[in-house]
């Protein structure tokens, strides 16, 4: 084998850098609202400072669900080079003064990896080789855990690819919706965590309705709960905490 061929094989077989991804949903404890406004402000600023410090070590985006869902008020979307970083931040948040008022409501752990199905169907928002989370800064994020039936995995790969080609084609019809697919096999209860970024909720609604008509939908085992998250950083995050 020539040196060029050896280099090509080495590049193909080289380990792929993957990220650990975590979606943490929290409910404010009722005791939070019994604090004086001054105390809430002090704790709120402490929380913002903690998040700012960790954002220098990992990707961190904060969202509000206040007034949208009954079971959670905040969501932290994290992506790091290792599960250890996600774990470390979780411990510090839990032990902090504001963290004592944050009750975990839902949590999903996953990792990035190259897609089996979309490598030959790249377009903006659906890059099958993307192994780094790169939020586009959209106002809304729609998140849900996802699992397929065992019958799906019993299908030959070529047949699964045919079915996914239709699924991907429908996604191409909504370019203003960006998909982030992460994988949880063996890490958590679900198989995937899907997170869609957009500034246009109506596009996402229409996309999901149309995907229900595809053959791939027959092989969905679970795709709930679904969370509508509104980006909330800095002052917007403080407003979610009841701080003007």
Foldseek 3Di string as FASTA:
>chain_A
DDPVVVVVVCVVPPDDQKKKKKKWFWAFAPVLVVDDLVVLVVLVVVVQVLQVVLCVQWPWFKWACVPPDPQGGIIIITIHSDVVSVVVSVVVLCPDPSSVRIHTRDMDIFMFAADPACCVPDDPQDHRHDRDDDDPPAFKKKKWFWAWAVVLVVDDPVVNNVLVVVLVVLVVVLNQKHWDWTAQVVNDDGGIMIMIGHNDVVSVVVSVVVSCPGPRVVGTDDTDDMGITGGAHDPRVSVSSVHD
